Structures are given as C-alpha cells and as structure tokens.
C-alpha cells in the first residue's frame, strides 16, 4: 500500500474560462489510481508531483516483484517527458516506442513489437507515469505529445493506466477535457496542521517546533504551504536557529548554499 498521500481537489472545467471547484477530497494516490485510469495531476512548482509519481513507481515495482509478476500485476513505467524533447535518443522515438523500450518484452518468431506489447498487456497492467507535460518544448512537440498520449490510450484500452503531471498554469487542459478522457486533479497546498506536523517530524525538538510555527510571518506562512518552500524554511531554521525575514532572502540563502 502506498505511503504517499496527496491532498487532491477534484476540478471541474466548465465551458466558461474560469474554473468551478468541487469540494476537496483527500485521496491516497493508490485510491486515485483505482478510481481513475486516466489521470492528470496539476499543481504549483514544488507541490510534490514528481516525488509522488517516483514514489508510486517504486512501490508498484516492489509489489510486482514480491508478487513474482503474477498475472494481472501492475507494471509501472516512469518517464520524464522533457527527455523526449531533448537531444537524447528518446527525442527520436514516438511515445509508443519509448514505452516499449522500457518493458521486458519477449518477441516470438514472426511477431512484431506491437503484437508483443499486446501479448504482454494481456497478462499485466501497464501503469504509465508521464511527468512534466509543461516541460516539453517547443510547443509543437508538446501538442504532438498530447496526440500521442491519446493514441496510446485508444490503442491499448483498459490494459493501461496513464497518469500525466503538469504545472497548474502551464497545463493545456482544453486538449484533454474536450475529449472527456482524463480526470483532472489538483494538488492542494498544505494546511496549518500539515505544516506543524511536518515541522515536528523534521525538527524533533518540541521547543524548536513551537518557535518555528509561532514565528512564521504571514508571507512565510503562505510560502510554507508549498512543501518545497517549507523544507527550505526548515533547513534554514535548523541551521541558523532563527527564521529568515522573507521569501526572497530564503531563496537567496538557498542559492548561496547550493
């Protein structure tokens, strides 16, 4: 069972340009995968999209291995989409070819790759994590990738689960919603209780936790709702035993340490 938990808010994209939010739900990523086989996770930078997908891939692979790849096992494949638009070997392949290259297919005599893949998927479920749609460039390559995602889904049907991630404001949601194929979920920022719980696990010393939580200014509280920014704040607090004055100074401090 996944230990990765995400606060997700189901998003309904109406015909109007603005968004109507459905009441927030708390979903474990495993539950989200069980409920939706075509899923887009959107969120601000640093909210945990990549971390969640990598952790889920590791845990699914571990489960498949412990199950000795019994029939029906879920086989995860994680791909950073930006590699498909870089100068590497993947940039010269279609999405289909990139997926096939990452699977342990055994081709029978007289069988082509597509037939091998379909035979493989008659025994196992493919769980495909496509991370960072917004990082594909140029835009023409991004549009082509969107088409390839739909083509893959249409060709492989129920034997494949597809999870796409993208930054909230860079996501071309219209392409997915027009076809009614993908459920869009947004990662919600951390609550005050989440921040305190994280600080308690990280700092261990209760006095330090109290000083950290009570010392957050309003701008820093807003910054701390992002998991990445919270980690940076805690790192700086642990090193200096005091809270930094502003988000800008925090980022400068991080750049100097890096």
C-alpha atoms as a PDB file:
ATOM      1  CA  UNK A   1       0.000   0.000   0.000  1.00  0.00           C
ATOM      2  CA  UNK A   2       1.321   3.437  -0.900  1.00  0.00           C
ATOM      3  CA  UNK A   3       2.590   5.541   1.959  1.00  0.00           C
ATOM      4  CA  UNK A   4       2.445   8.556  -0.348  1.00  0.00           C
ATOM      5  CA  UNK A   5      -0.615  10.648   0.422  1.00  0.00           C
ATOM      6  CA  UNK A   6      -1.718  13.696  -1.521  1.00  0.00           C
ATOM      7  CA  UNK A   7      -4.292  16.330  -0.807  1.00  0.00           C
ATOM      8  CA  UNK A   8      -6.152  16.477  -4.100  1.00  0.00           C
ATOM      9  CA  UNK A   9      -9.069  18.658  -5.144  1.00  0.00           C
ATOM     10  CA  UNK A  10     -11.179  17.374  -7.993  1.00  0.00           C
ATOM     11  CA  UNK A  11     -11.504  20.068 -10.651  1.00  0.00           C
ATOM     12  CA  UNK A  12     -14.493  20.534 -12.943  1.00  0.00           C
ATOM     13  CA  UNK A  13     -13.584  22.562 -16.026  1.00  0.00           C
ATOM     14  CA  UNK A  14     -16.793  24.187 -17.246  1.00  0.00           C
ATOM     15  CA  UNK A  15     -17.372  25.645 -20.687  1.00  0.00           C
ATOM     16  CA  UNK A  16     -16.619  29.070 -19.205  1.00  0.00           C
ATOM     17  CA  UNK A  17     -12.973  30.198 -18.953  1.00  0.00           C
ATOM     18  CA  UNK A  18     -12.980  30.177 -15.134  1.00  0.00           C
ATOM     19  CA  UNK A  19     -12.817  27.030 -13.010  1.00  0.00           C
ATOM     20  CA  UNK A  20     -15.516  25.700 -10.676  1.00  0.00           C
ATOM     21  CA  UNK A  21     -14.049  23.776  -7.763  1.00  0.00           C
ATOM     22  CA  UNK A  22     -15.770  20.683  -6.478  1.00  0.00           C
ATOM     23  CA  UNK A  23     -15.377  20.197  -2.682  1.00  0.00           C
ATOM     24  CA  UNK A  24     -11.926  18.980  -1.709  1.00  0.00           C
ATOM     25  CA  UNK A  25     -11.247  15.290  -1.151  1.00  0.00           C
ATOM     26  CA  UNK A  26      -8.276  13.605   0.451  1.00  0.00           C
ATOM     27  CA  UNK A  27      -7.001  10.791  -1.748  1.00  0.00           C
ATOM     28  CA  UNK A  28      -4.173   8.353  -1.391  1.00  0.00           C
ATOM     29  CA  UNK A  29      -2.501   8.056  -4.778  1.00  0.00           C
ATOM     30  CA  UNK A  30      -3.361   4.350  -4.813  1.00  0.00           C
ATOM     31  CA  UNK A  31      -7.039   5.172  -4.348  1.00  0.00           C
ATOM     32  CA  UNK A  32      -6.850   7.761  -7.100  1.00  0.00           C
ATOM     33  CA  UNK A  33      -5.331   5.164  -9.443  1.00  0.00           C
ATOM     34  CA  UNK A  34      -8.074   2.686  -8.527  1.00  0.00           C
ATOM     35  CA  UNK A  35     -10.791   5.245  -9.156  1.00  0.00           C
ATOM     36  CA  UNK A  36      -9.398   6.811 -12.341  1.00  0.00           C
ATOM     37  CA  UNK A  37      -7.428   5.030 -15.052  1.00  0.00           C
ATOM     38  CA  UNK A  38      -6.756   8.271 -16.932  1.00  0.00           C
ATOM     39  CA  UNK A  39      -5.495  10.915 -14.557  1.00  0.00           C
ATOM     40  CA  UNK A  40      -3.881  14.339 -14.818  1.00  0.00           C
ATOM     41  CA  UNK A  41      -2.300  15.762 -11.649  1.00  0.00           C
ATOM     42  CA  UNK A  42      -1.686  19.504 -11.743  1.00  0.00           C
ATOM     43  CA  UNK A  43      -0.055  21.712  -9.127  1.00  0.00           C
ATOM     44  CA  UNK A  44       2.270  24.586  -8.445  1.00  0.00           C
ATOM     45  CA  UNK A  45       6.067  24.026  -8.633  1.00  0.00           C
ATOM     46  CA  UNK A  46       7.298  22.194  -5.533  1.00  0.00           C
ATOM     47  CA  UNK A  47       3.949  20.694  -4.516  1.00  0.00           C
ATOM     48  CA  UNK A  48       5.186  17.120  -4.931  1.00  0.00           C
ATOM     49  CA  UNK A  49       4.019  15.937  -8.351  1.00  0.00           C
ATOM     50  CA  UNK A  50       7.319  14.338  -9.368  1.00  0.00           C
ATOM     51  CA  UNK A  51       8.078  12.985  -5.889  1.00  0.00           C
ATOM     52  CA  UNK A  52       4.654  11.330  -5.665  1.00  0.00           C
ATOM     53  CA  UNK A  53       4.987   9.706  -9.088  1.00  0.00           C
ATOM     54  CA  UNK A  54       8.510   8.418  -8.429  1.00  0.00           C
ATOM     55  CA  UNK A  55       7.486   7.008  -5.052  1.00  0.00           C
ATOM     56  CA  UNK A  56       4.411   5.362  -6.572  1.00  0.00           C
ATOM     57  CA  UNK A  57       6.549   3.843  -9.339  1.00  0.00           C
ATOM     58  CA  UNK A  58       8.977   2.400  -6.773  1.00  0.00           C
ATOM     59  CA  UNK A  59       6.215   0.951  -4.614  1.00  0.00           C
ATOM     60  CA  UNK A  60       4.333  -0.552  -7.564  1.00  0.00           C
ATOM     61  CA  UNK A  61       7.552  -2.120  -8.847  1.00  0.00           C
ATOM     62  CA  UNK A  62       8.247  -3.538  -5.387  1.00  0.00           C
ATOM     63  CA  UNK A  63       4.740  -5.008  -5.203  1.00  0.00           C
ATOM     64  CA  UNK A  64       5.071  -6.545  -8.676  1.00  0.00           C
ATOM     65  CA  UNK A  65       8.432  -8.068  -7.742  1.00  0.00           C
ATOM     66  CA  UNK A  66       7.118  -9.505  -4.477  1.00  0.00           C
ATOM     67  CA  UNK A  67       4.155 -10.894  -6.404  1.00  0.00           C
ATOM     68  CA  UNK A  68       6.745 -12.516  -8.732  1.00  0.00           C
ATOM     69  CA  UNK A  69       4.910 -10.840 -11.603  1.00  0.00           C
ATOM     70  CA  UNK A  70       1.771 -12.913 -11.238  1.00  0.00           C
ATOM     71  CA  UNK A  71      -0.996 -12.488 -13.795  1.00  0.00           C
ATOM     72  CA  UNK A  72      -2.672  -9.101 -13.529  1.00  0.00           C
ATOM     73  CA  UNK A  73       0.254  -7.436 -11.768  1.00  0.00           C
ATOM     74  CA  UNK A  74       0.640  -3.703 -12.346  1.00  0.00           C
ATOM     75  CA  UNK A  75       3.892  -2.865 -14.125  1.00  0.00           C
ATOM     76  CA  UNK A  76       4.885   0.790 -13.601  1.00  0.00           C
ATOM     77  CA  UNK A  77       6.845   2.839 -16.118  1.00  0.00           C
ATOM     78  CA  UNK A  78       8.020   6.337 -15.156  1.00  0.00           C
ATOM     79  CA  UNK A  79       9.060   8.793 -17.872  1.00  0.00           C
ATOM     80  CA  UNK A  80      10.225  12.398 -17.674  1.00  0.00           C
ATOM     81  CA  UNK A  81       8.591  13.973 -20.687  1.00  0.00           C
ATOM     82  CA  UNK A  82      11.284  16.623 -21.040  1.00  0.00           C
ATOM     83  CA  UNK A  83      13.682  13.862 -22.121  1.00  0.00           C
ATOM     84  CA  UNK A  84      11.509  13.345 -25.187  1.00  0.00           C
ATOM     85  CA  UNK A  85      12.178  16.902 -26.341  1.00  0.00           C
ATOM     86  CA  UNK A  86      15.899  16.929 -25.519  1.00  0.00           C
ATOM     87  CA  UNK A  87      18.784  15.793 -27.704  1.00  0.00           C
ATOM     88  CA  UNK A  88      18.862  12.263 -26.286  1.00  0.00           C
ATOM     89  CA  UNK A  89      17.868   9.033 -28.011  1.00  0.00           C
ATOM     90  CA  UNK A  90      14.274   9.282 -26.735  1.00  0.00           C
ATOM     91  CA  UNK A  91      13.754  12.506 -28.701  1.00  0.00           C
ATOM     92  CA  UNK A  92      13.846  10.475 -31.923  1.00  0.00           C
ATOM     93  CA  UNK A  93      11.205   7.988 -30.728  1.00  0.00           C
ATOM     94  CA  UNK A  94       7.432   8.111 -30.536  1.00  0.00           C
ATOM     95  CA  UNK A  95       5.809   7.726 -27.128  1.00  0.00           C
ATOM     96  CA  UNK A  96       4.848   4.169 -28.096  1.00  0.00           C
ATOM     97  CA  UNK A  97       8.481   3.335 -28.898  1.00  0.00           C
ATOM     98  CA  UNK A  98       9.714   4.884 -25.633  1.00  0.00           C
ATOM     99  CA  UNK A  99       7.246   2.811 -23.612  1.00  0.00           C
ATOM    100  CA  UNK A 100       8.147  -0.395 -25.430  1.00  0.00           C
ATOM    101  CA  UNK A 101      11.874   0.246 -24.857  1.00  0.00           C
ATOM    102  CA  UNK A 102      11.261   0.262 -21.092  1.00  0.00           C
ATOM    103  CA  UNK A 103       9.320  -3.022 -20.913  1.00  0.00           C
ATOM    104  CA  UNK A 104      10.747  -6.565 -20.679  1.00  0.00           C
ATOM    105  CA  UNK A 105       9.110  -7.788 -23.877  1.00  0.00           C
ATOM    106  CA  UNK A 106       9.993 -11.119 -25.406  1.00  0.00           C
ATOM    107  CA  UNK A 107       9.253 -11.180 -29.132  1.00  0.00           C
ATOM    108  CA  UNK A 108       8.082 -14.507 -30.556  1.00  0.00           C
ATOM    109  CA  UNK A 109       9.039 -15.658 -34.070  1.00  0.00           C
ATOM    110  CA  UNK A 110       7.035 -13.771 -36.687  1.00  0.00           C
ATOM    111  CA  UNK A 111       5.730 -11.309 -34.083  1.00  0.00           C
ATOM    112  CA  UNK A 112       6.178  -7.545 -34.405  1.00  0.00           C
ATOM    113  CA  UNK A 113       6.666  -5.147 -31.493  1.00  0.00           C
ATOM    114  CA  UNK A 114       3.020  -4.085 -31.296  1.00  0.00           C
ATOM    115  CA  UNK A 115       1.893  -7.708 -31.140  1.00  0.00           C
ATOM    116  CA  UNK A 116       4.485  -8.373 -28.411  1.00  0.00           C
ATOM    117  CA  UNK A 117       3.186  -5.430 -26.401  1.00  0.00           C
ATOM    118  CA  UNK A 118      -0.430  -6.546 -26.709  1.00  0.00           C
ATOM    119  CA  UNK A 119       0.548 -10.052 -25.588  1.00  0.00           C
ATOM    120  CA  UNK A 120       2.426  -8.582 -22.612  1.00  0.00           C
ATOM    121  CA  UNK A 121      -0.602  -6.483 -21.679  1.00  0.00           C
ATOM    122  CA  UNK A 122      -2.906  -9.478 -21.865  1.00  0.00           C
ATOM    123  CA  UNK A 123      -1.041 -10.697 -18.763  1.00  0.00           C
ATOM    124  CA  UNK A 124      -0.101  -7.468 -16.965  1.00  0.00           C
ATOM    125  CA  UNK A 125      -1.455  -3.956 -16.466  1.00  0.00           C
ATOM    126  CA  UNK A 126       0.764  -1.096 -17.562  1.00  0.00           C
ATOM    127  CA  UNK A 127       0.778   1.911 -15.229  1.00  0.00           C
ATOM    128  CA  UNK A 128       2.408   4.749 -17.134  1.00  0.00           C
ATOM    129  CA  UNK A 129       3.587   7.892 -15.332  1.00  0.00           C
ATOM    130  CA  UNK A 130       4.257  10.767 -17.757  1.00  0.00           C
ATOM    131  CA  UNK A 131       5.850  13.503 -15.673  1.00  0.00           C
ATOM    132  CA  UNK A 132       6.124  17.167 -16.630  1.00  0.00           C
ATOM    133  CA  UNK A 133       3.933  17.852 -19.648  1.00  0.00           C
ATOM    134  CA  UNK A 134       4.654  21.559 -19.219  1.00  0.00           C
ATOM    135  CA  UNK A 135       8.400  20.920 -19.637  1.00  0.00           C
ATOM    136  CA  UNK A 136       8.121  19.746 -23.234  1.00  0.00           C
ATOM    137  CA  UNK A 137       9.395  22.214 -25.794  1.00  0.00           C
ATOM    138  CA  UNK A 138       8.859  23.567 -28.371  1.00  0.00           C
ATOM    139  CA  UNK A 139       5.031  23.937 -28.242  1.00  0.00           C
ATOM    140  CA  UNK A 140       4.645  21.933 -31.449  1.00  0.00           C
ATOM    141  CA  UNK A 141       6.358  18.963 -29.744  1.00  0.00           C
ATOM    142  CA  UNK A 142       4.052  19.366 -26.766  1.00  0.00           C
ATOM    143  CA  UNK A 143       0.953  19.259 -28.982  1.00  0.00           C
ATOM    144  CA  UNK A 144       2.317  16.190 -30.729  1.00  0.00           C
ATOM    145  CA  UNK A 145       2.906  14.507 -27.357  1.00  0.00           C
ATOM    146  CA  UNK A 146      -0.696  15.172 -26.323  1.00  0.00           C
ATOM    147  CA  UNK A 147      -1.867  13.460 -29.510  1.00  0.00           C
ATOM    148  CA  UNK A 148       0.449  10.509 -28.849  1.00  0.00           C
ATOM    149  CA  UNK A 149      -0.923  10.103 -25.305  1.00  0.00           C
ATOM    150  CA  UNK A 150      -4.461   9.839 -26.675  1.00  0.00           C
ATOM    151  CA  UNK A 151      -3.368   7.470 -29.424  1.00  0.00           C
ATOM    152  CA  UNK A 152      -1.663   5.196 -26.895  1.00  0.00           C
ATOM    153  CA  UNK A 153      -4.779   5.160 -24.751  1.00  0.00           C
ATOM    154  CA  UNK A 154      -7.046   4.397 -27.695  1.00  0.00           C
ATOM    155  CA  UNK A 155      -4.826   1.560 -28.908  1.00  0.00           C
ATOM    156  CA  UNK A 156      -4.257  -0.141 -25.546  1.00  0.00           C
ATOM    157  CA  UNK A 157      -7.625   0.494 -23.896  1.00  0.00           C
ATOM    158  CA  UNK A 158      -8.243  -0.799 -20.378  1.00  0.00           C
ATOM    159  CA  UNK A 159      -4.872  -2.543 -20.140  1.00  0.00           C
ATOM    160  CA  UNK A 160      -3.113   0.759 -19.458  1.00  0.00           C
ATOM    161  CA  UNK A 161      -3.391   3.388 -16.735  1.00  0.00           C
ATOM    162  CA  UNK A 162      -1.987   6.807 -17.672  1.00  0.00           C
ATOM    163  CA  UNK A 163      -1.006   9.476 -15.139  1.00  0.00           C
ATOM    164  CA  UNK A 164       0.168  12.815 -16.546  1.00  0.00           C
ATOM    165  CA  UNK A 165       1.573  15.635 -14.395  1.00  0.00           C
ATOM    166  CA  UNK A 166       1.932  19.294 -15.204  1.00  0.00           C
ATOM    167  CA  UNK A 167       2.294  22.654 -13.520  1.00  0.00           C
ATOM    168  CA  UNK A 168      -1.074  24.221 -12.892  1.00  0.00           C
ATOM    169  CA  UNK A 169      -0.713  27.330 -15.018  1.00  0.00           C
ATOM    170  CA  UNK A 170       1.164  25.676 -17.884  1.00  0.00           C
ATOM    171  CA  UNK A 171      -1.265  22.837 -18.461  1.00  0.00           C
ATOM    172  CA  UNK A 172      -3.169  22.893 -21.758  1.00  0.00           C
ATOM    173  CA  UNK A 173      -6.224  21.346 -20.149  1.00  0.00           C
ATOM    174  CA  UNK A 174      -8.535  22.001 -23.095  1.00  0.00           C
ATOM    175  CA  UNK A 175      -6.889  19.242 -25.139  1.00  0.00           C
ATOM    176  CA  UNK A 176      -7.766  16.649 -22.513  1.00  0.00           C
ATOM    177  CA  UNK A 177     -11.187  17.925 -21.447  1.00  0.00           C
ATOM    178  CA  UNK A 178     -12.586  18.334 -24.956  1.00  0.00           C
ATOM    179  CA  UNK A 179     -12.300  14.587 -25.447  1.00  0.00           C
ATOM    180  CA  UNK A 180     -13.616  13.804 -21.972  1.00  0.00           C
ATOM    181  CA  UNK A 181     -10.896  11.252 -21.413  1.00  0.00           C
ATOM    182  CA  UNK A 182      -8.842  12.347 -18.385  1.00  0.00           C
ATOM    183  CA  UNK A 183      -9.851  13.197 -14.835  1.00  0.00           C
ATOM    184  CA  UNK A 184      -8.021  16.309 -13.674  1.00  0.00           C
ATOM    185  CA  UNK A 185      -6.973  16.537 -10.025  1.00  0.00           C
ATOM    186  CA  UNK A 186      -5.138  19.409  -8.365  1.00  0.00           C
ATOM    187  CA  UNK A 187      -2.684  19.038  -5.511  1.00  0.00           C
ATOM    188  CA  UNK A 188      -3.869  21.301  -2.709  1.00  0.00           C
ATOM    189  CA  UNK A 189      -1.451  23.342  -0.605  1.00  0.00           C
ATOM    190  CA  UNK A 190      -0.514  22.247   2.910  1.00  0.00           C
ATOM    191  CA  UNK A 191      -2.769  23.269   5.785  1.00  0.00           C
ATOM    192  CA  UNK A 192      -1.548  24.812   9.057  1.00  0.00           C
ATOM    193  CA  UNK A 193      -1.843  21.371  10.690  1.00  0.00           C
ATOM    194  CA  UNK A 194       0.188  19.806   7.881  1.00  0.00           C
ATOM    195  CA  UNK A 195       2.927  22.403   8.358  1.00  0.00           C
ATOM    196  CA  UNK A 196       3.096  21.794  12.107  1.00  0.00           C
ATOM    197  CA  UNK A 197       3.138  18.014  11.634  1.00  0.00           C
ATOM    198  CA  UNK A 198       5.948  18.225   9.098  1.00  0.00           C
ATOM    199  CA  UNK A 199       7.943  20.571  11.335  1.00  0.00           C
ATOM    200  CA  UNK A 200       7.532  18.201  14.274  1.00  0.00           C
ATOM    201  CA  UNK A 201       8.856  15.253  12.244  1.00  0.00           C
ATOM    202  CA  UNK A 202      11.759  17.315  10.899  1.00  0.00           C
ATOM    203  CA  UNK A 203      12.917  19.273  13.952  1.00  0.00           C
ATOM    204  CA  UNK A 204      12.122  16.614  16.612  1.00  0.00           C
ATOM    205  CA  UNK A 205      12.659  19.120  19.440  1.00  0.00           C
ATOM    206  CA  UNK A 206       9.242  20.408  20.582  1.00  0.00           C
ATOM    207  CA  UNK A 207      10.585  23.796  21.686  1.00  0.00           C
ATOM    208  CA  UNK A 208      12.058  24.357  18.234  1.00  0.00           C
ATOM    209  CA  UNK A 209       8.779  23.333  16.614  1.00  0.00           C
ATOM    210  CA  UNK A 210       6.857  25.892  18.678  1.00  0.00           C
ATOM    211  CA  UNK A 211       9.367  28.645  17.858  1.00  0.00           C
ATOM    212  CA  UNK A 212       9.249  27.798  14.178  1.00  0.00           C
ATOM    213  CA  UNK A 213       5.456  27.631  13.857  1.00  0.00           C
ATOM    214  CA  UNK A 214       4.744  30.685  16.007  1.00  0.00           C
ATOM    215  CA  UNK A 215       7.500  32.710  14.374  1.00  0.00           C
ATOM    216  CA  UNK A 216       6.185  32.398  10.808  1.00  0.00           C
ATOM    217  CA  UNK A 217       5.107  35.773   9.457  1.00  0.00           C
ATOM    218  CA  UNK A 218       2.066  35.961   7.217  1.00  0.00           C
ATOM    219  CA  UNK A 219       4.149  35.893   3.995  1.00  0.00           C
ATOM    220  CA  UNK A 220       6.240  32.971   5.282  1.00  0.00           C
ATOM    221  CA  UNK A 221       3.089  31.088   6.317  1.00  0.00           C
ATOM    222  CA  UNK A 222       1.863  31.444   2.763  1.00  0.00           C
ATOM    223  CA  UNK A 223       5.223  30.219   1.436  1.00  0.00           C
ATOM    224  CA  UNK A 224       5.231  27.269   3.865  1.00  0.00           C
ATOM    225  CA  UNK A 225       2.037  25.874   2.298  1.00  0.00           C
ATOM    226  CA  UNK A 226       4.270  24.683  -0.542  1.00  0.00           C
ATOM    227  CA  UNK A 227       6.177  21.513   0.532  1.00  0.00           C
ATOM    228  CA  UNK A 228       9.400  22.578  -1.181  1.00  0.00           C
ATOM    229  CA  UNK A 229       9.361  26.029   0.410  1.00  0.00           C
ATOM    230  CA  UNK A 230       8.537  24.505   3.800  1.00  0.00           C
ATOM    231  CA  UNK A 231      11.561  22.230   3.519  1.00  0.00           C
ATOM    232  CA  UNK A 232      13.778  25.209   2.654  1.00  0.00           C
ATOM    233  CA  UNK A 233      12.407  27.175   5.616  1.00  0.00           C
ATOM    234  CA  UNK A 234      13.050  24.271   7.983  1.00  0.00           C
ATOM    235  CA  UNK A 235      16.568  23.728   6.624  1.00  0.00           C
ATOM    236  CA  UNK A 236      17.403  27.386   7.161  1.00  0.00           C
ATOM    237  CA  UNK A 237      15.797  27.451  10.625  1.00  0.00           C
ATOM    238  CA  UNK A 238      17.672  24.335  11.699  1.00  0.00           C
ATOM    239  CA  UNK A 239      20.979  25.794  10.539  1.00  0.00           C
ATOM    240  CA  UNK A 240      20.544  29.303  11.976  1.00  0.00           C
ATOM    241  CA  UNK A 241      18.130  28.627  14.856  1.00  0.00           C
ATOM    242  CA  UNK A 242      16.014  31.559  13.679  1.00  0.00           C
ATOM    243  CA  UNK A 243      13.516  32.309  10.942  1.00  0.00           C
ATOM    244  CA  UNK A 244      14.645  34.185   7.890  1.00  0.00           C
ATOM    245  CA  UNK A 245      12.971  37.518   7.172  1.00  0.00           C
ATOM    246  CA  UNK A 246      11.404  36.976   3.761  1.00  0.00           C
ATOM    247  CA  UNK A 247      10.831  34.504   0.948  1.00  0.00           C
ATOM    248  CA  UNK A 248      13.288  36.400  -1.266  1.00  0.00           C
ATOM    249  CA  UNK A 249      16.045  36.147   1.361  1.00  0.00           C
ATOM    250  CA  UNK A 250      15.251  32.451   1.802  1.00  0.00           C
ATOM    251  CA  UNK A 251      15.760  31.786  -1.911  1.00  0.00           C
ATOM    252  CA  UNK A 252      18.976  33.798  -1.908  1.00  0.00           C
ATOM    253  CA  UNK A 253      20.235  31.801   1.079  1.00  0.00           C
ATOM    254  CA  UNK A 254      19.400  28.545  -0.687  1.00  0.00           C
ATOM    255  CA  UNK A 255      21.243  29.630  -3.852  1.00  0.00           C
ATOM    256  CA  UNK A 256      24.352  30.516  -1.821  1.00  0.00           C
ATOM    257  CA  UNK A 257      24.301  27.146  -0.036  1.00  0.00           C
ATOM    258  CA  UNK A 258      23.799  25.278  -3.298  1.00  0.00           C
END
